[in-house]
Amino acid sequence: MADENDKSAKQARGARDDRLKSALRENLKRRKMQARERAASADLSQNDDGSLNEGAVGKTGDE
């Protein structure tokens, strides 16, 4: 009888561990995607507000 309880406890722990692993993996994927989106939007915002000297290339000021 004690063997049956040990087996069921191990199975329950194994199932819980699998659920936790899966949840952690999904959380990591979600956080990586959020970080990529933030980095991409930060790059776009630098281009939009002109903080990068894009227009200065090729201009000599002798107009």
PDB file of N, CA and C in Angstrom:
ATOM      1  N   MET A   1       0.821  -1.191   0.000  1.00  0.00           N
ATOM      2  CA  MET A   1       0.000   0.000   0.000  1.00  0.00           C
ATOM      3  C   MET A   1       0.862   1.251   0.000  1.00  0.00           C
ATOM      4  N   ALA A   2       1.963   1.190   0.706  1.00  0.00           N
ATOM      5  CA  ALA A   2       2.859   2.344   0.724  1.00  0.00           C
ATOM      6  C   ALA A   2       3.487   2.559  -0.639  1.00  0.00           C
ATOM      7  N   ASP A   3       3.729   1.453  -1.368  1.00  0.00           N
ATOM      8  CA  ASP A   3       4.287   1.570  -2.718  1.00  0.00           C
ATOM      9  C   ASP A   3       3.350   2.328  -3.642  1.00  0.00           C
ATOM     10  N   GLU A   4       2.053   2.062  -3.544  1.00  0.00           N
ATOM     11  CA  GLU A   4       1.079   2.738  -4.393  1.00  0.00           C
ATOM     12  C   GLU A   4       1.059   4.231  -4.107  1.00  0.00           C
ATOM     13  N   ASN A   5       1.153   4.612  -2.840  1.00  0.00           N
ATOM     14  CA  ASN A   5       1.164   6.026  -2.486  1.00  0.00           C
ATOM     15  C   ASN A   5       2.427   6.707  -3.002  1.00  0.00           C
ATOM     16  N   ASP A   6       3.561   6.013  -2.910  1.00  0.00           N
ATOM     17  CA  ASP A   6       4.817   6.577  -3.404  1.00  0.00           C
ATOM     18  C   ASP A   6       4.760   6.778  -4.917  1.00  0.00           C
ATOM     19  N   LYS A   7       4.216   5.783  -5.617  1.00  0.00           N
ATOM     20  CA  LYS A   7       4.123   5.886  -7.072  1.00  0.00           C
ATOM     21  C   LYS A   7       3.224   7.042  -7.486  1.00  0.00           C
ATOM     22  N   SER A   8       2.085   7.147  -6.847  1.00  0.00           N
ATOM     23  CA  SER A   8       1.163   8.220  -7.213  1.00  0.00           C
ATOM     24  C   SER A   8       1.742   9.586  -6.849  1.00  0.00           C
ATOM     25  N   ALA A   9       2.473   9.661  -5.744  1.00  0.00           N
ATOM     26  CA  ALA A   9       3.104  10.927  -5.364  1.00  0.00           C
ATOM     27  C   ALA A   9       4.188  11.307  -6.363  1.00  0.00           C
ATOM     28  N   LYS A  10       4.965  10.327  -6.830  1.00  0.00           N
ATOM     29  CA  LYS A  10       6.012  10.592  -7.819  1.00  0.00           C
ATOM     30  C   LYS A  10       5.401  11.016  -9.152  1.00  0.00           C
ATOM     31  N   GLN A  11       4.295  10.354  -9.522  1.00  0.00           N
ATOM     32  CA  GLN A  11       3.636  10.712 -10.775  1.00  0.00           C
ATOM     33  C   GLN A  11       3.070  12.126 -10.695  1.00  0.00           C
ATOM     34  N   ALA A  12       2.487  12.453  -9.545  1.00  0.00           N
ATOM     35  CA  ALA A  12       1.928  13.793  -9.364  1.00  0.00           C
ATOM     36  C   ALA A  12       3.038  14.841  -9.406  1.00  0.00           C
ATOM     37  N   ARG A  13       4.147  14.547  -8.773  1.00  0.00           N
ATOM     38  CA  ARG A  13       5.277  15.485  -8.780  1.00  0.00           C
ATOM     39  C   ARG A  13       5.832  15.635 -10.199  1.00  0.00           C
ATOM     40  N   GLY A  14       5.917  14.522 -10.923  1.00  0.00           N
ATOM     41  CA  GLY A  14       6.411  14.562 -12.294  1.00  0.00           C
ATOM     42  C   GLY A  14       5.496  15.380 -13.194  1.00  0.00           C
ATOM     43  N   ALA A  15       4.195  15.203 -13.028  1.00  0.00           N
ATOM     44  CA  ALA A  15       3.227  15.962 -13.813  1.00  0.00           C
ATOM     45  C   ALA A  15       3.324  17.451 -13.482  1.00  0.00           C
ATOM     46  N   ARG A  16       3.496  17.754 -12.225  1.00  0.00           N
ATOM     47  CA  ARG A  16       3.626  19.155 -11.795  1.00  0.00           C
ATOM     48  C   ARG A  16       4.902  19.763 -12.373  1.00  0.00           C
ATOM     49  N   ASP A  17       5.987  19.011 -12.313  1.00  0.00           N
ATOM     50  CA  ASP A  17       7.255  19.489 -12.869  1.00  0.00           C
ATOM     51  C   ASP A  17       7.123  19.759 -14.363  1.00  0.00           C
ATOM     52  N   ASP A  18       6.432  18.881 -15.071  1.00  0.00           N
ATOM     53  CA  ASP A  18       6.228  19.076 -16.505  1.00  0.00           C
ATOM     54  C   ASP A  18       5.416  20.338 -16.780  1.00  0.00           C
ATOM     55  N   ARG A  19       4.372  20.558 -15.986  1.00  0.00           N
ATOM     56  CA  ARG A  19       3.560  21.763 -16.156  1.00  0.00           C
ATOM     57  C   ARG A  19       4.387  23.010 -15.888  1.00  0.00           C
ATOM     58  N   LEU A  20       5.205  22.972 -14.838  1.00  0.00           N
ATOM     59  CA  LEU A  20       6.042  24.126 -14.519  1.00  0.00           C
ATOM     60  C   LEU A  20       7.074  24.393 -15.611  1.00  0.00           C
ATOM     61  N   LYS A  21       7.689  23.346 -16.128  1.00  0.00           N
ATOM     62  CA  LYS A  21       8.661  23.504 -17.215  1.00  0.00           C
ATOM     63  C   LYS A  21       8.003  24.148 -18.427  1.00  0.00           C
ATOM     64  N   SER A  22       6.825  23.667 -18.752  1.00  0.00           N
ATOM     65  CA  SER A  22       6.107  24.199 -19.900  1.00  0.00           C
ATOM     66  C   SER A  22       5.741  25.669 -19.681  1.00  0.00           C
ATOM     67  N   ALA A  23       5.256  25.990 -18.494  1.00  0.00           N
ATOM     68  CA  ALA A  23       4.884  27.372 -18.190  1.00  0.00           C
ATOM     69  C   ALA A  23       6.103  28.291 -18.226  1.00  0.00           C
ATOM     70  N   LEU A  24       7.216  27.836 -17.695  1.00  0.00           N
ATOM     71  CA  LEU A  24       8.436  28.644 -17.714  1.00  0.00           C
ATOM     72  C   LEU A  24       8.931  28.859 -19.139  1.00  0.00           C
ATOM     73  N   ARG A  25       8.859  27.834 -19.950  1.00  0.00           N
ATOM     74  CA  ARG A  25       9.293  27.931 -21.346  1.00  0.00           C
ATOM     75  C   ARG A  25       8.432  28.948 -22.098  1.00  0.00           C
ATOM     76  N   GLU A  26       7.116  28.885 -21.911  1.00  0.00           N
ATOM     77  CA  GLU A  26       6.211  29.822 -22.573  1.00  0.00           C
ATOM     78  C   GLU A  26       6.448  31.243 -22.085  1.00  0.00           C
ATOM     79  N   ASN A  27       6.693  31.403 -20.801  1.00  0.00           N
ATOM     80  CA  ASN A  27       6.963  32.720 -20.238  1.00  0.00           C
ATOM     81  C   ASN A  27       8.240  33.302 -20.841  1.00  0.00           C
ATOM     82  N   LEU A  28       9.262  32.485 -20.966  1.00  0.00           N
ATOM     83  CA  LEU A  28      10.520  32.941 -21.544  1.00  0.00           C
ATOM     84  C   LEU A  28      10.324  33.362 -23.001  1.00  0.00           C
ATOM     85  N   LYS A  29       9.577  32.585 -23.764  1.00  0.00           N
ATOM     86  CA  LYS A  29       9.303  32.940 -25.156  1.00  0.00           C
ATOM     87  C   LYS A  29       8.578  34.280 -25.238  1.00  0.00           C
ATOM     88  N   ARG A  30       7.571  34.463 -24.370  1.00  0.00           N
ATOM     89  CA  ARG A  30       6.792  35.698 -24.372  1.00  0.00           C
ATOM     90  C   ARG A  30       7.669  36.899 -24.025  1.00  0.00           C
ATOM     91  N   ARG A  31       8.525  36.747 -23.029  1.00  0.00           N
ATOM     92  CA  ARG A  31       9.388  37.848 -22.615  1.00  0.00           C
ATOM     93  C   ARG A  31      10.432  38.192 -23.670  1.00  0.00           C
ATOM     94  N   LYS A  32      10.960  37.179 -24.353  1.00  0.00           N
ATOM     95  CA  LYS A  32      11.907  37.438 -25.438  1.00  0.00           C
ATOM     96  C   LYS A  32      11.231  38.201 -26.575  1.00  0.00           C
ATOM     97  N   MET A  33      10.006  37.802 -26.908  1.00  0.00           N
ATOM     98  CA  MET A  33       9.279  38.485 -27.965  1.00  0.00           C
ATOM     99  C   MET A  33       8.999  39.939 -27.573  1.00  0.00           C
ATOM    100  N   GLN A  34       8.615  40.174 -26.330  1.00  0.00           N
ATOM    101  CA  GLN A  34       8.381  41.537 -25.865  1.00  0.00           C
ATOM    102  C   GLN A  34       9.653  42.365 -25.948  1.00  0.00           C
ATOM    103  N   ALA A  35      10.772  41.795 -25.574  1.00  0.00           N
ATOM    104  CA  ALA A  35      12.047  42.514 -25.632  1.00  0.00           C
ATOM    105  C   ALA A  35      12.401  42.858 -27.074  1.00  0.00           C
ATOM    106  N   ARG A  36      12.172  41.926 -27.996  1.00  0.00           N
ATOM    107  CA  ARG A  36      12.440  42.199 -29.413  1.00  0.00           C
ATOM    108  C   ARG A  36      11.549  43.322 -29.925  1.00  0.00           C
ATOM    109  N   GLU A  37      10.269  43.294 -29.545  1.00  0.00           N
ATOM    110  CA  GLU A  37       9.344  44.338 -29.991  1.00  0.00           C
ATOM    111  C   GLU A  37       9.750  45.697 -29.434  1.00  0.00           C
ATOM    112  N   ARG A  38      10.169  45.729 -28.177  1.00  0.00           N
ATOM    113  CA  ARG A  38      10.616  46.995 -27.590  1.00  0.00           C
ATOM    114  C   ARG A  38      11.854  47.520 -28.294  1.00  0.00           C
ATOM    115  N   ALA A  39      12.789  46.641 -28.599  1.00  0.00           N
ATOM    116  CA  ALA A  39      14.012  47.056 -29.287  1.00  0.00           C
ATOM    117  C   ALA A  39      13.679  47.570 -30.683  1.00  0.00           C
ATOM    118  N   ALA A  40      12.784  46.899 -31.370  1.00  0.00           N
ATOM    119  CA  ALA A  40      12.405  47.324 -32.718  1.00  0.00           C
ATOM    120  C   ALA A  40      11.691  48.669 -32.678  1.00  0.00           C
ATOM    121  N   SER A  41      10.806  48.874 -31.730  1.00  0.00           N
ATOM    122  CA  SER A  41      10.094  50.144 -31.649  1.00  0.00           C
ATOM    123  C   SER A  41      11.036  51.264 -31.213  1.00  0.00           C
ATOM    124  N   ALA A  42      12.042  50.960 -30.414  1.00  0.00           N
ATOM    125  CA  ALA A  42      13.022  51.968 -30.024  1.00  0.00           C
ATOM    126  C   ALA A  42      13.846  52.392 -31.234  1.00  0.00           C
ATOM    127  N   ASP A  43      14.208  51.453 -32.096  1.00  0.00           N
ATOM    128  CA  ASP A  43      14.946  51.773 -33.316  1.00  0.00           C
ATOM    129  C   ASP A  43      14.108  52.640 -34.240  1.00  0.00           C
ATOM    130  N   LEU A  44      12.833  52.330 -34.399  1.00  0.00           N
ATOM    131  CA  LEU A  44      11.958  53.106 -35.258  1.00  0.00           C
ATOM    132  C   LEU A  44      11.767  54.511 -34.716  1.00  0.00           C
ATOM    133  N   SER A  45      11.627  54.641 -33.418  1.00  0.00           N
ATOM    134  CA  SER A  45      11.402  55.967 -32.847  1.00  0.00           C
ATOM    135  C   SER A  45      12.630  56.847 -33.016  1.00  0.00           C
ATOM    136  N   GLN A  46      13.825  56.290 -33.013  1.00  0.00           N
ATOM    137  CA  GLN A  46      15.029  57.085 -33.256  1.00  0.00           C
ATOM    138  C   GLN A  46      15.027  57.608 -34.683  1.00  0.00           C
ATOM    139  N   ASN A  47      14.578  56.824 -35.626  1.00  0.00           N
ATOM    140  CA  ASN A  47      14.525  57.259 -37.014  1.00  0.00           C
ATOM    141  C   ASN A  47      13.456  58.319 -37.225  1.00  0.00           C
ATOM    142  N   ASP A  48      12.327  58.202 -36.584  1.00  0.00           N
ATOM    143  CA  ASP A  48      11.211  59.116 -36.780  1.00  0.00           C
ATOM    144  C   ASP A  48      11.510  60.513 -36.258  1.00  0.00           C
ATOM    145  N   ASP A  49      12.159  60.628 -35.125  1.00  0.00           N
ATOM    146  CA  ASP A  49      12.355  61.957 -34.547  1.00  0.00           C
ATOM    147  C   ASP A  49      13.626  62.640 -35.063  1.00  0.00           C
ATOM    148  N   GLY A  50      14.355  62.006 -35.972  1.00  0.00           N
ATOM    149  CA  GLY A  50      15.516  62.623 -36.584  1.00  0.00           C
ATOM    150  C   GLY A  50      16.739  62.657 -35.704  1.00  0.00           C
ATOM    151  N   SER A  51      16.771  61.875 -34.645  1.00  0.00           N
ATOM    152  CA  SER A  51      17.934  61.893 -33.765  1.00  0.00           C
ATOM    153  C   SER A  51      19.157  61.283 -34.430  1.00  0.00           C
ATOM    154  N   LEU A  52      18.945  60.482 -35.454  1.00  0.00           N
ATOM    155  CA  LEU A  52      20.064  59.963 -36.238  1.00  0.00           C
ATOM    156  C   LEU A  52      20.310  60.941 -37.377  1.00  0.00           C
ATOM    157  N   ASN A  53      21.525  61.274 -37.644  1.00  0.00           N
ATOM    158  CA  ASN A  53      21.852  62.276 -38.653  1.00  0.00           C
ATOM    159  C   ASN A  53      21.774  61.683 -40.055  1.00  0.00           C
ATOM    160  N   GLU A  54      20.591  61.290 -40.436  1.00  0.00           N
ATOM    161  CA  GLU A  54      20.411  60.654 -41.735  1.00  0.00           C
ATOM    162  C   GLU A  54      20.574  61.650 -42.867  1.00  0.00           C
ATOM    163  N   GLY A  55      20.034  62.837 -42.732  1.00  0.00           N
ATOM    164  CA  GLY A  55      20.053  63.825 -43.795  1.00  0.00           C
ATOM    165  C   GLY A  55      21.384  64.526 -43.934  1.00  0.00           C
ATOM    166  N   ALA A  56      22.287  64.395 -43.015  1.00  0.00           N
ATOM    167  CA  ALA A  56      23.555  65.107 -43.050  1.00  0.00           C
ATOM    168  C   ALA A  56      24.545  64.491 -44.023  1.00  0.00           C
ATOM    169  N   VAL A  57      24.345  63.273 -44.430  1.00  0.00           N
ATOM    170  CA  VAL A  57      25.277  62.613 -45.339  1.00  0.00           C
ATOM    171  C   VAL A  57      25.143  63.240 -46.722  1.00  0.00           C
ATOM    172  N   GLY A  58      26.261  63.693 -47.293  1.00  0.00           N
ATOM    173  CA  GLY A  58      26.250  64.242 -48.632  1.00  0.00           C
ATOM    174  C   GLY A  58      26.034  65.739 -48.674  1.00  0.00           C
ATOM    175  N   LYS A  59      25.698  66.383 -47.574  1.00  0.00           N
ATOM    176  CA  LYS A  59      25.507  67.821 -47.528  1.00  0.00           C
ATOM    177  C   LYS A  59      26.797  68.482 -47.094  1.00  0.00           C
ATOM    178  N   THR A  60      27.218  69.480 -47.833  1.00  0.00           N
ATOM    179  CA  THR A  60      28.449  70.152 -47.493  1.00  0.00           C
ATOM    180  C   THR A  60      28.201  71.540 -46.895  1.00  0.00           C
ATOM    181  N   GLY A  61      26.997  72.047 -47.026  1.00  0.00           N
ATOM    182  CA  GLY A  61      26.679  73.365 -46.502  1.00  0.00           C
ATOM    183  C   GLY A  61      26.987  74.463 -47.487  1.00  0.00           C
ATOM    184  N   ASP A  62      27.403  74.154 -48.703  1.00  0.00           N
ATOM    185  CA  ASP A  62      27.721  75.141 -49.745  1.00  0.00           C
ATOM    186  C   ASP A  62      26.539  75.289 -50.694  1.00  0.00           C
ATOM    187  N   GLU A  63      25.434  75.774 -50.208  1.00  0.00           N
ATOM    188  CA  GLU A  63      24.241  75.867 -51.067  1.00  0.00           C
ATOM    189  C   GLU A  63      24.168  77.176 -51.730  1.00  0.00           C
TER     190      GLU A  63
END
